[in-house]
């Protein structure tokens, strides 16, 4: 079994509903808030998956984010979704950087992103947070990599959580840890033919 850590992201930013035309792609933090209308803040991440060996059999893929500021009074439920649009670091709540999202905030599940969650986790407190990705959705991401969006959900109005971005000077930048069998083994996703074993 081998482990590959992809760090940092090739692209990352966050988009805010209450500043819908402001770009955040050069900031050192990634903010997340899941409260309903006007307070929603979401994180866009894209990792370079080309370093995964073409004949690898994947057994796990886990996103790691380092929370520097815990602005929520409780836990936030976070879901990851594959993005369909070729977004850039100039993405905003209204735009993916090359045009408008069909649903503001990357919310349309036909044109903007998948409606199937890649994985879910509960984030609370500071330090490293992990979200394990489902292998079926991960193989689709590997096949057409426009990154993913993290969407949080909270019960009521609350503060934002902040995570280090790839632009942060800290070593705790966003990472993706991929565990795999080089060229053979049992379980996971066989990337050479994209079949789930």
N, C-alpha and C. Protein backbone atom coordinates (compact mmCIF):
# COMPACT_ATOMS: atom_id res chain seq x y z
N UNK A 1 0.85 -1.19 0.00
CA UNK A 1 0.00 0.00 0.00
C UNK A 1 0.89 1.25 0.00
N UNK A 2 0.54 2.21 -0.84
CA UNK A 2 1.30 3.45 -0.93
C UNK A 2 0.39 4.63 -0.60
N UNK A 3 1.01 5.73 -0.20
CA UNK A 3 0.25 6.94 0.12
C UNK A 3 0.84 8.12 -0.63
N UNK A 4 -0.01 8.90 -1.26
CA UNK A 4 0.40 10.10 -1.99
C UNK A 4 -0.32 11.29 -1.37
N UNK A 5 0.45 12.31 -0.97
CA UNK A 5 -0.13 13.54 -0.43
C UNK A 5 0.02 14.63 -1.48
N UNK A 6 -1.09 15.13 -1.95
CA UNK A 6 -1.11 16.21 -2.94
C UNK A 6 -1.37 17.51 -2.18
N UNK A 7 -0.34 18.35 -2.12
CA UNK A 7 -0.42 19.58 -1.33
C UNK A 7 0.52 20.62 -1.92
N UNK A 8 0.10 21.86 -2.12
CA UNK A 8 -1.24 22.37 -1.88
C UNK A 8 -2.16 22.11 -3.08
N UNK A 9 -3.31 22.77 -3.10
CA UNK A 9 -4.20 22.72 -4.26
C UNK A 9 -3.56 23.43 -5.43
N UNK A 10 -4.02 23.09 -6.63
CA UNK A 10 -3.61 23.88 -7.80
C UNK A 10 -4.47 25.13 -7.92
N UNK A 11 -5.69 25.08 -7.39
CA UNK A 11 -6.59 26.23 -7.32
C UNK A 11 -7.40 26.13 -6.03
N UNK A 12 -7.61 27.26 -5.37
CA UNK A 12 -8.58 27.30 -4.28
C UNK A 12 -9.06 28.73 -4.07
N UNK A 13 -10.30 28.85 -3.64
CA UNK A 13 -10.88 30.14 -3.32
C UNK A 13 -12.14 29.89 -2.51
N UNK A 14 -12.76 30.98 -2.06
CA UNK A 14 -14.08 30.84 -1.44
C UNK A 14 -15.01 31.89 -2.03
N UNK A 15 -16.30 31.61 -2.00
CA UNK A 15 -17.30 32.49 -2.58
C UNK A 15 -18.35 32.81 -1.51
N UNK A 16 -18.76 34.09 -1.45
CA UNK A 16 -19.66 34.55 -0.40
C UNK A 16 -20.93 35.14 -0.99
N UNK A 17 -22.05 34.74 -0.41
CA UNK A 17 -23.34 35.22 -0.89
C UNK A 17 -23.52 36.72 -0.64
N UNK A 18 -23.01 37.24 0.48
CA UNK A 18 -23.25 38.65 0.79
C UNK A 18 -22.23 39.58 0.13
N UNK A 19 -21.21 39.02 -0.54
CA UNK A 19 -20.31 39.81 -1.40
C UNK A 19 -20.24 39.09 -2.74
N UNK A 20 -21.30 39.09 -3.51
CA UNK A 20 -21.46 38.16 -4.64
C UNK A 20 -20.56 38.41 -5.83
N UNK A 21 -19.90 39.57 -5.89
CA UNK A 21 -19.02 39.86 -7.04
C UNK A 21 -17.56 40.03 -6.63
N UNK A 22 -17.23 39.73 -5.39
CA UNK A 22 -15.87 39.91 -4.88
C UNK A 22 -15.05 38.63 -5.06
N UNK A 23 -13.87 38.76 -5.66
CA UNK A 23 -12.98 37.60 -5.84
C UNK A 23 -12.10 37.44 -4.61
N UNK A 24 -11.83 36.17 -4.24
CA UNK A 24 -11.09 35.86 -3.02
C UNK A 24 -9.89 34.93 -3.29
N UNK A 25 -9.54 34.74 -4.56
CA UNK A 25 -8.58 33.72 -4.93
C UNK A 25 -7.16 33.92 -4.45
N UNK A 26 -6.79 35.12 -4.03
CA UNK A 26 -5.42 35.38 -3.57
C UNK A 26 -5.34 35.49 -2.05
N UNK A 27 -6.43 35.28 -1.36
CA UNK A 27 -6.45 35.42 0.10
C UNK A 27 -5.80 34.21 0.77
N UNK A 28 -5.32 34.41 1.98
CA UNK A 28 -4.61 33.35 2.70
C UNK A 28 -5.54 32.46 3.51
N UNK A 29 -6.83 32.80 3.53
CA UNK A 29 -7.80 31.99 4.24
C UNK A 29 -8.95 31.57 3.35
N UNK A 30 -9.58 30.46 3.71
CA UNK A 30 -10.77 29.97 3.03
C UNK A 30 -11.89 29.93 4.07
N UNK A 31 -12.95 30.69 3.82
CA UNK A 31 -14.01 30.83 4.82
C UNK A 31 -15.20 29.97 4.45
N UNK A 32 -15.87 29.46 5.51
CA UNK A 32 -16.99 28.54 5.31
C UNK A 32 -18.10 28.87 6.30
N UNK A 33 -19.32 29.03 5.77
CA UNK A 33 -20.50 29.26 6.61
C UNK A 33 -21.70 28.63 5.92
N UNK A 34 -22.50 27.89 6.66
CA UNK A 34 -23.60 27.17 6.05
C UNK A 34 -24.98 27.71 6.36
N UNK A 35 -25.04 28.90 7.01
CA UNK A 35 -26.37 29.41 7.33
C UNK A 35 -27.10 29.83 6.06
N UNK A 36 -28.44 29.78 6.10
CA UNK A 36 -29.30 30.03 4.95
C UNK A 36 -29.04 31.38 4.31
N UNK A 37 -29.94 31.82 3.47
CA UNK A 37 -29.78 32.95 2.56
C UNK A 37 -29.01 34.12 3.15
N UNK A 38 -28.16 34.68 2.34
CA UNK A 38 -27.31 35.86 2.50
C UNK A 38 -26.03 35.61 3.31
N UNK A 39 -25.95 34.55 4.10
CA UNK A 39 -24.75 34.30 4.89
C UNK A 39 -23.91 33.13 4.38
N UNK A 40 -24.37 32.47 3.34
CA UNK A 40 -23.66 31.27 2.88
C UNK A 40 -22.29 31.61 2.29
N UNK A 41 -21.28 30.84 2.70
CA UNK A 41 -19.92 30.98 2.20
C UNK A 41 -19.40 29.58 1.89
N UNK A 42 -18.87 29.38 0.67
CA UNK A 42 -18.48 28.05 0.21
C UNK A 42 -17.04 28.05 -0.28
N UNK A 43 -16.41 26.87 -0.23
CA UNK A 43 -15.00 26.73 -0.61
C UNK A 43 -14.89 25.92 -1.89
N UNK A 44 -14.11 26.43 -2.85
CA UNK A 44 -13.79 25.72 -4.09
C UNK A 44 -12.34 25.23 -4.02
N UNK A 45 -12.14 23.95 -4.32
CA UNK A 45 -10.81 23.35 -4.29
C UNK A 45 -10.57 22.56 -5.58
N UNK A 46 -9.34 22.63 -6.08
CA UNK A 46 -8.95 21.78 -7.20
C UNK A 46 -7.54 21.26 -6.96
N UNK A 47 -7.39 19.94 -7.01
CA UNK A 47 -6.09 19.29 -6.82
C UNK A 47 -5.60 18.74 -8.15
N UNK A 48 -4.29 18.75 -8.33
CA UNK A 48 -3.68 18.16 -9.52
C UNK A 48 -3.62 16.64 -9.33
N UNK A 49 -4.50 15.92 -10.00
CA UNK A 49 -4.59 14.47 -9.84
C UNK A 49 -3.69 13.71 -10.79
N UNK A 50 -2.92 14.43 -11.60
CA UNK A 50 -2.08 13.77 -12.60
C UNK A 50 -0.91 13.02 -11.96
N UNK A 51 -0.62 13.32 -10.70
CA UNK A 51 0.49 12.64 -10.03
C UNK A 51 0.09 11.26 -9.50
N UNK A 52 -1.20 10.94 -9.54
CA UNK A 52 -1.64 9.59 -9.15
C UNK A 52 -1.24 8.63 -10.26
N UNK A 53 -0.52 7.56 -9.96
CA UNK A 53 -0.13 6.61 -11.01
C UNK A 53 -1.33 6.10 -11.80
N UNK A 54 -1.16 6.00 -13.11
CA UNK A 54 -2.28 5.63 -13.97
C UNK A 54 -2.81 4.24 -13.70
N UNK A 55 -1.97 3.36 -13.15
CA UNK A 55 -2.41 1.98 -12.89
C UNK A 55 -2.70 1.74 -11.41
N UNK A 56 -2.86 2.84 -10.64
CA UNK A 56 -3.10 2.70 -9.21
C UNK A 56 -4.51 2.21 -8.93
N UNK A 57 -4.64 1.40 -7.90
CA UNK A 57 -5.94 1.00 -7.39
C UNK A 57 -6.16 1.76 -6.09
N UNK A 58 -7.12 2.68 -6.12
CA UNK A 58 -7.34 3.59 -5.00
C UNK A 58 -8.17 2.91 -3.92
N UNK A 59 -7.72 3.04 -2.68
CA UNK A 59 -8.50 2.51 -1.57
C UNK A 59 -9.07 3.62 -0.68
N UNK A 60 -8.50 4.84 -0.76
CA UNK A 60 -9.02 5.95 0.04
C UNK A 60 -8.55 7.27 -0.55
N UNK A 61 -9.40 8.29 -0.43
CA UNK A 61 -9.05 9.66 -0.83
C UNK A 61 -9.66 10.60 0.21
N UNK A 62 -8.79 11.36 0.88
CA UNK A 62 -9.24 12.16 2.02
C UNK A 62 -8.75 13.59 1.88
N UNK A 63 -9.69 14.54 1.94
CA UNK A 63 -9.35 15.96 1.94
C UNK A 63 -8.95 16.37 3.35
N UNK A 64 -7.90 17.19 3.45
CA UNK A 64 -7.48 17.74 4.73
C UNK A 64 -7.45 19.25 4.68
N UNK A 65 -8.13 19.90 5.62
CA UNK A 65 -8.13 21.36 5.74
C UNK A 65 -7.76 21.72 7.18
N UNK A 66 -6.95 22.76 7.33
CA UNK A 66 -6.54 23.20 8.65
C UNK A 66 -7.37 24.41 9.07
N UNK A 67 -8.17 24.25 10.12
CA UNK A 67 -9.03 25.33 10.61
C UNK A 67 -8.22 26.21 11.56
N UNK A 68 -8.08 27.48 11.20
CA UNK A 68 -7.34 28.43 12.03
C UNK A 68 -8.27 29.26 12.92
N UNK A 69 -9.53 29.41 12.49
CA UNK A 69 -10.51 30.18 13.25
C UNK A 69 -11.82 29.42 13.28
N UNK A 70 -12.28 29.07 14.46
CA UNK A 70 -13.57 28.38 14.61
C UNK A 70 -14.61 29.41 15.02
N UNK A 71 -15.29 29.95 14.02
CA UNK A 71 -16.28 30.99 14.28
C UNK A 71 -17.66 30.46 14.60
N UNK A 72 -17.87 29.15 14.42
CA UNK A 72 -19.17 28.55 14.69
C UNK A 72 -19.28 28.21 16.17
N UNK A 73 -20.48 28.36 16.72
CA UNK A 73 -20.69 28.00 18.12
C UNK A 73 -20.80 26.49 18.30
N UNK A 74 -21.04 25.77 17.19
CA UNK A 74 -21.10 24.31 17.22
C UNK A 74 -20.49 23.76 15.95
N UNK A 75 -20.78 22.51 15.67
CA UNK A 75 -20.23 21.86 14.47
C UNK A 75 -20.95 22.33 13.21
N UNK A 76 -20.24 22.26 12.10
CA UNK A 76 -20.82 22.53 10.79
C UNK A 76 -20.72 21.24 9.97
N UNK A 77 -21.82 20.85 9.34
CA UNK A 77 -21.84 19.68 8.48
C UNK A 77 -21.38 20.09 7.09
N UNK A 78 -20.36 19.42 6.57
CA UNK A 78 -19.75 19.80 5.30
C UNK A 78 -19.91 18.66 4.30
N UNK A 79 -20.43 18.98 3.12
CA UNK A 79 -20.51 18.03 2.00
C UNK A 79 -19.66 18.52 0.85
N UNK A 80 -19.00 17.58 0.17
CA UNK A 80 -18.20 17.89 -1.03
C UNK A 80 -18.95 17.44 -2.27
N UNK A 81 -18.91 18.27 -3.31
CA UNK A 81 -19.57 17.96 -4.58
C UNK A 81 -18.61 18.24 -5.74
N UNK A 82 -18.63 17.39 -6.77
CA UNK A 82 -17.85 17.64 -7.97
C UNK A 82 -18.40 18.87 -8.70
N UNK A 83 -17.49 19.72 -9.20
CA UNK A 83 -17.88 20.91 -9.97
C UNK A 83 -17.79 20.59 -11.45
N UNK A 84 -18.77 21.03 -12.22
CA UNK A 84 -18.79 20.82 -13.67
C UNK A 84 -18.14 21.97 -14.44
N UNK A 85 -18.19 23.16 -13.88
CA UNK A 85 -17.65 24.34 -14.57
C UNK A 85 -16.13 24.42 -14.41
N UNK A 86 -15.45 24.94 -15.42
CA UNK A 86 -14.00 25.17 -15.36
C UNK A 86 -13.75 26.52 -14.68
N UNK A 87 -13.90 26.53 -13.36
CA UNK A 87 -13.78 27.78 -12.60
C UNK A 87 -12.31 28.21 -12.46
N UNK A 88 -12.13 29.46 -12.11
CA UNK A 88 -10.79 30.02 -11.92
C UNK A 88 -10.71 30.66 -10.54
N UNK A 89 -9.53 31.17 -10.19
CA UNK A 89 -9.35 31.84 -8.90
C UNK A 89 -10.10 33.16 -8.82
N UNK A 90 -10.65 33.62 -9.93
CA UNK A 90 -11.47 34.83 -9.91
C UNK A 90 -12.96 34.52 -9.76
N UNK A 91 -13.27 33.27 -9.42
CA UNK A 91 -14.67 32.89 -9.21
C UNK A 91 -15.28 33.68 -8.05
N UNK A 92 -16.57 33.96 -8.17
CA UNK A 92 -17.33 34.65 -7.12
C UNK A 92 -18.65 33.90 -6.91
N UNK A 93 -19.49 34.42 -6.04
CA UNK A 93 -20.80 33.81 -5.83
C UNK A 93 -21.62 33.81 -7.12
N UNK A 94 -21.43 34.85 -7.94
CA UNK A 94 -22.22 34.98 -9.17
C UNK A 94 -21.56 34.36 -10.39
N UNK A 95 -20.24 34.23 -10.38
CA UNK A 95 -19.49 33.84 -11.57
C UNK A 95 -18.45 32.78 -11.27
N UNK A 96 -18.21 31.89 -12.25
CA UNK A 96 -17.14 30.91 -12.07
C UNK A 96 -15.82 31.40 -12.68
N UNK A 97 -15.79 32.63 -13.16
CA UNK A 97 -14.57 33.22 -13.70
C UNK A 97 -14.55 33.25 -15.21
N UNK A 98 -15.42 32.44 -15.84
CA UNK A 98 -15.53 32.42 -17.29
C UNK A 98 -16.96 32.64 -17.75
N UNK A 99 -17.81 33.07 -16.84
CA UNK A 99 -19.22 33.26 -17.10
C UNK A 99 -19.99 33.09 -15.80
N UNK A 100 -21.30 33.18 -15.88
CA UNK A 100 -22.13 33.10 -14.68
C UNK A 100 -22.49 31.66 -14.34
N UNK A 101 -22.50 31.35 -13.04
CA UNK A 101 -23.10 30.09 -12.62
C UNK A 101 -24.56 30.08 -13.05
N UNK A 102 -25.09 28.93 -13.41
CA UNK A 102 -26.52 28.84 -13.69
C UNK A 102 -27.32 29.12 -12.43
N UNK A 103 -26.86 28.57 -11.32
CA UNK A 103 -27.43 28.88 -10.00
C UNK A 103 -26.36 29.54 -9.17
N UNK A 104 -26.60 30.77 -8.75
CA UNK A 104 -25.58 31.51 -8.00
C UNK A 104 -25.06 30.67 -6.84
N UNK A 105 -23.75 30.77 -6.61
CA UNK A 105 -23.12 29.98 -5.56
C UNK A 105 -22.79 28.56 -5.99
N UNK A 106 -22.70 28.34 -7.30
CA UNK A 106 -22.46 26.99 -7.84
C UNK A 106 -23.55 26.04 -7.36
N UNK A 107 -24.80 26.45 -7.57
CA UNK A 107 -25.92 25.76 -6.93
C UNK A 107 -26.76 24.92 -7.87
N UNK A 108 -26.56 25.06 -9.18
CA UNK A 108 -27.38 24.27 -10.11
C UNK A 108 -26.75 22.89 -10.29
N UNK A 109 -27.56 21.84 -10.06
CA UNK A 109 -27.02 20.48 -10.08
C UNK A 109 -27.10 19.83 -11.45
N UNK A 110 -27.40 20.62 -12.48
CA UNK A 110 -27.31 20.15 -13.86
C UNK A 110 -26.10 20.75 -14.56
N UNK A 111 -25.90 22.06 -14.40
CA UNK A 111 -24.83 22.76 -15.12
C UNK A 111 -23.60 23.06 -14.26
N UNK A 112 -23.80 23.35 -12.97
CA UNK A 112 -22.71 23.86 -12.14
C UNK A 112 -21.96 22.78 -11.36
N UNK A 113 -22.71 21.86 -10.77
CA UNK A 113 -22.08 20.85 -9.91
C UNK A 113 -22.97 19.61 -9.85
N UNK A 114 -22.40 18.55 -9.33
CA UNK A 114 -23.16 17.32 -9.12
C UNK A 114 -24.11 17.49 -7.94
N UNK A 115 -25.22 16.77 -7.99
CA UNK A 115 -26.12 16.75 -6.86
C UNK A 115 -25.82 15.61 -5.91
N UNK A 116 -24.85 14.78 -6.24
CA UNK A 116 -24.45 13.65 -5.41
C UNK A 116 -23.25 14.02 -4.57
N UNK A 117 -23.38 13.92 -3.27
CA UNK A 117 -22.28 14.25 -2.38
C UNK A 117 -21.13 13.26 -2.56
N UNK A 118 -19.90 13.79 -2.62
CA UNK A 118 -18.72 12.94 -2.65
C UNK A 118 -18.38 12.39 -1.27
N UNK A 119 -18.90 13.05 -0.25
CA UNK A 119 -18.60 12.67 1.12
C UNK A 119 -19.04 13.77 2.06
N UNK A 120 -19.24 13.41 3.33
CA UNK A 120 -19.72 14.35 4.32
C UNK A 120 -18.92 14.19 5.61
N UNK A 121 -18.76 15.30 6.33
CA UNK A 121 -18.06 15.26 7.62
C UNK A 121 -18.58 16.38 8.50
N UNK A 122 -18.40 16.23 9.79
CA UNK A 122 -18.74 17.26 10.75
C UNK A 122 -17.45 17.94 11.21
N UNK A 123 -17.34 19.25 10.99
CA UNK A 123 -16.16 20.02 11.38
C UNK A 123 -16.48 20.83 12.63
N UNK A 124 -15.62 20.77 13.62
CA UNK A 124 -15.80 21.54 14.85
C UNK A 124 -14.44 21.79 15.47
N UNK A 125 -14.21 23.00 15.93
CA UNK A 125 -12.94 23.34 16.57
C UNK A 125 -11.84 23.65 15.56
N UNK A 126 -10.67 24.01 16.06
CA UNK A 126 -9.53 24.33 15.20
C UNK A 126 -8.68 23.09 14.97
N UNK A 127 -7.68 23.23 14.08
CA UNK A 127 -6.79 22.13 13.76
C UNK A 127 -7.21 21.44 12.46
N UNK A 128 -6.57 20.30 12.17
CA UNK A 128 -6.84 19.58 10.93
C UNK A 128 -8.23 18.97 10.94
N UNK A 129 -8.93 19.11 9.81
CA UNK A 129 -10.24 18.51 9.60
C UNK A 129 -10.17 17.63 8.36
N UNK A 130 -10.83 16.49 8.42
CA UNK A 130 -10.75 15.51 7.32
C UNK A 130 -12.14 15.21 6.77
N UNK A 131 -12.19 15.03 5.46
CA UNK A 131 -13.42 14.62 4.78
C UNK A 131 -13.06 13.52 3.79
N UNK A 132 -13.59 12.33 4.02
CA UNK A 132 -13.30 11.18 3.17
C UNK A 132 -14.23 11.17 1.96
N UNK A 133 -13.65 11.04 0.77
CA UNK A 133 -14.41 11.06 -0.48
C UNK A 133 -14.82 9.66 -0.89
N UNK A 134 -16.07 9.52 -1.35
CA UNK A 134 -16.53 8.24 -1.88
C UNK A 134 -15.78 7.90 -3.16
N UNK A 135 -15.44 6.64 -3.34
CA UNK A 135 -14.57 6.24 -4.45
C UNK A 135 -15.26 6.31 -5.81
N UNK A 136 -16.56 6.09 -5.85
CA UNK A 136 -17.25 6.20 -7.14
C UNK A 136 -17.22 7.63 -7.64
N UNK A 137 -17.55 8.58 -6.78
CA UNK A 137 -17.50 9.99 -7.17
C UNK A 137 -16.06 10.43 -7.43
N UNK A 138 -15.09 9.86 -6.71
CA UNK A 138 -13.70 10.22 -6.93
C UNK A 138 -13.24 9.80 -8.32
N UNK A 139 -13.69 8.66 -8.80
CA UNK A 139 -13.28 8.25 -10.15
C UNK A 139 -13.87 9.18 -11.20
N UNK A 140 -15.08 9.68 -10.96
CA UNK A 140 -15.66 10.67 -11.88
C UNK A 140 -14.86 11.97 -11.86
N UNK A 141 -14.41 12.36 -10.67
CA UNK A 141 -13.57 13.56 -10.56
C UNK A 141 -12.26 13.37 -11.31
N UNK A 142 -11.66 12.18 -11.18
CA UNK A 142 -10.40 11.89 -11.87
C UNK A 142 -10.59 11.93 -13.38
N UNK A 143 -11.75 11.52 -13.84
CA UNK A 143 -12.03 11.47 -15.27
C UNK A 143 -12.24 12.86 -15.86
N UNK A 144 -12.83 13.76 -15.09
CA UNK A 144 -13.09 15.12 -15.55
C UNK A 144 -12.91 16.05 -14.35
N UNK A 145 -11.69 16.55 -14.20
CA UNK A 145 -11.33 17.25 -12.97
C UNK A 145 -11.53 18.75 -13.07
N UNK A 146 -12.69 19.20 -12.62
CA UNK A 146 -12.93 20.63 -12.42
C UNK A 146 -13.00 20.97 -10.94
N UNK A 147 -12.42 20.10 -10.14
CA UNK A 147 -12.37 20.36 -8.71
C UNK A 147 -13.68 20.07 -8.02
N UNK A 148 -13.80 20.58 -6.81
CA UNK A 148 -14.98 20.32 -6.00
C UNK A 148 -15.33 21.54 -5.17
N UNK A 149 -16.55 21.52 -4.66
CA UNK A 149 -17.01 22.61 -3.80
C UNK A 149 -17.42 22.02 -2.46
N UNK A 150 -17.06 22.70 -1.39
CA UNK A 150 -17.47 22.32 -0.04
C UNK A 150 -18.63 23.21 0.38
N UNK A 151 -19.74 22.58 0.71
CA UNK A 151 -20.96 23.29 1.12
C UNK A 151 -21.29 22.89 2.55
N UNK A 152 -21.39 23.88 3.41
CA UNK A 152 -21.68 23.63 4.82
C UNK A 152 -23.14 23.87 5.14
N UNK A 153 -23.59 23.24 6.21
CA UNK A 153 -24.95 23.42 6.71
C UNK A 153 -24.90 23.59 8.23
N UNK A 154 -25.55 24.67 8.71
CA UNK A 154 -25.68 24.88 10.16
C UNK A 154 -27.14 25.21 10.46
N UNK A 155 -27.49 25.07 11.72
CA UNK A 155 -28.90 25.20 12.10
C UNK A 155 -29.37 26.64 12.19
N UNK A 156 -28.47 27.57 12.51
CA UNK A 156 -28.90 28.95 12.69
C UNK A 156 -27.78 29.92 12.38
N UNK A 157 -28.05 31.24 12.52
CA UNK A 157 -27.03 32.25 12.22
C UNK A 157 -25.83 32.08 13.13
N UNK A 158 -24.65 32.17 12.54
CA UNK A 158 -23.43 31.90 13.30
C UNK A 158 -22.25 32.53 12.57
N UNK A 159 -21.06 32.46 13.16
CA UNK A 159 -19.87 33.00 12.54
C UNK A 159 -19.29 32.07 11.49
N UNK A 160 -18.26 32.56 10.79
CA UNK A 160 -17.59 31.78 9.77
C UNK A 160 -16.41 31.01 10.36
N UNK A 161 -16.14 29.83 9.80
CA UNK A 161 -14.90 29.12 10.07
C UNK A 161 -13.88 29.51 9.00
N UNK A 162 -12.61 29.62 9.38
CA UNK A 162 -11.54 29.95 8.44
C UNK A 162 -10.53 28.81 8.38
N UNK A 163 -10.12 28.46 7.17
CA UNK A 163 -9.14 27.40 6.91
C UNK A 163 -8.00 27.99 6.10
N UNK A 164 -6.79 27.48 6.30
CA UNK A 164 -5.65 27.97 5.53
C UNK A 164 -5.83 27.64 4.05
N UNK A 165 -5.51 28.59 3.19
CA UNK A 165 -5.54 28.38 1.75
C UNK A 165 -4.15 28.01 1.24
N UNK A 166 -4.05 27.74 -0.04
CA UNK A 166 -2.75 27.43 -0.66
C UNK A 166 -1.83 28.64 -0.68
N UNK A 167 -2.41 29.83 -0.54
CA UNK A 167 -1.62 31.07 -0.54
C UNK A 167 -1.06 31.39 0.84
N UNK A 168 -1.47 30.64 1.85
CA UNK A 168 -1.02 30.89 3.21
C UNK A 168 0.45 30.49 3.37
N UNK A 169 1.20 31.24 4.16
CA UNK A 169 2.61 30.94 4.37
C UNK A 169 2.85 29.73 5.25
N UNK A 170 1.80 29.26 5.92
CA UNK A 170 1.94 28.09 6.79
C UNK A 170 2.16 26.82 5.96
N UNK A 171 2.70 25.80 6.62
CA UNK A 171 2.84 24.49 5.98
C UNK A 171 1.50 23.75 5.94
N UNK A 172 0.51 24.25 6.67
CA UNK A 172 -0.78 23.57 6.79
C UNK A 172 -1.75 23.97 5.68
N UNK A 173 -1.31 23.81 4.46
CA UNK A 173 -2.14 24.15 3.31
C UNK A 173 -3.11 23.00 3.01
N UNK A 174 -4.16 23.26 2.24
CA UNK A 174 -5.10 22.18 1.89
C UNK A 174 -4.37 21.01 1.23
N UNK A 175 -4.79 19.80 1.59
CA UNK A 175 -4.14 18.62 1.03
C UNK A 175 -5.17 17.55 0.68
N UNK A 176 -4.74 16.65 -0.19
CA UNK A 176 -5.52 15.47 -0.54
C UNK A 176 -4.61 14.28 -0.35
N UNK A 177 -5.01 13.34 0.51
CA UNK A 177 -4.22 12.14 0.76
C UNK A 177 -4.88 10.97 0.06
N UNK A 178 -4.13 10.35 -0.87
CA UNK A 178 -4.64 9.23 -1.65
C UNK A 178 -3.87 7.98 -1.26
N UNK A 179 -4.59 6.96 -0.83
CA UNK A 179 -4.00 5.67 -0.49
C UNK A 179 -4.32 4.69 -1.61
N UNK A 180 -3.29 3.96 -2.08
CA UNK A 180 -3.51 3.12 -3.25
C UNK A 180 -2.53 1.94 -3.27
N UNK A 181 -2.88 0.97 -4.08
CA UNK A 181 -1.98 -0.15 -4.37
C UNK A 181 -1.35 0.12 -5.73
N UNK A 182 -0.02 0.21 -5.81
CA UNK A 182 0.63 0.49 -7.10
C UNK A 182 0.48 -0.68 -8.07
N UNK A 183 -0.34 -0.50 -9.06
CA UNK A 183 -0.43 -1.48 -10.14
C UNK A 183 -1.19 -2.74 -9.84
N UNK A 184 -1.84 -2.85 -8.70
CA UNK A 184 -2.61 -4.05 -8.42
C UNK A 184 -3.00 -4.14 -6.97
N UNK A 185 -3.97 -4.99 -6.66
CA UNK A 185 -4.44 -5.15 -5.29
C UNK A 185 -5.93 -5.30 -5.24
N UNK A 186 -6.49 -5.22 -4.06
CA UNK A 186 -7.92 -5.41 -3.88
C UNK A 186 -8.57 -4.13 -3.37
N UNK A 187 -9.75 -3.84 -3.91
CA UNK A 187 -10.54 -2.72 -3.43
C UNK A 187 -10.17 -1.41 -4.09
N UNK A 188 -11.10 -0.46 -4.05
CA UNK A 188 -10.83 0.87 -4.55
C UNK A 188 -11.22 1.07 -6.00
N UNK A 189 -10.62 2.07 -6.61
CA UNK A 189 -10.93 2.46 -7.98
C UNK A 189 -9.72 2.19 -8.86
N UNK A 190 -9.91 1.43 -9.90
CA UNK A 190 -8.85 1.12 -10.85
C UNK A 190 -8.83 2.22 -11.89
N UNK A 191 -7.88 3.15 -11.75
CA UNK A 191 -7.92 4.36 -12.57
C UNK A 191 -7.62 4.10 -14.04
N UNK A 192 -7.00 2.97 -14.38
CA UNK A 192 -6.69 2.74 -15.79
C UNK A 192 -7.93 2.45 -16.61
N UNK A 193 -8.98 1.94 -15.96
CA UNK A 193 -10.23 1.73 -16.72
C UNK A 193 -11.45 2.28 -15.98
N UNK A 194 -11.19 2.98 -14.85
CA UNK A 194 -12.23 3.67 -14.07
C UNK A 194 -13.33 2.73 -13.58
N UNK A 195 -12.99 1.49 -13.32
CA UNK A 195 -13.96 0.55 -12.77
C UNK A 195 -13.83 0.48 -11.27
N UNK A 196 -14.96 0.35 -10.58
CA UNK A 196 -14.93 0.14 -9.14
C UNK A 196 -14.78 -1.34 -8.87
N UNK A 197 -13.72 -1.71 -8.13
CA UNK A 197 -13.44 -3.11 -7.87
C UNK A 197 -14.09 -3.56 -6.56
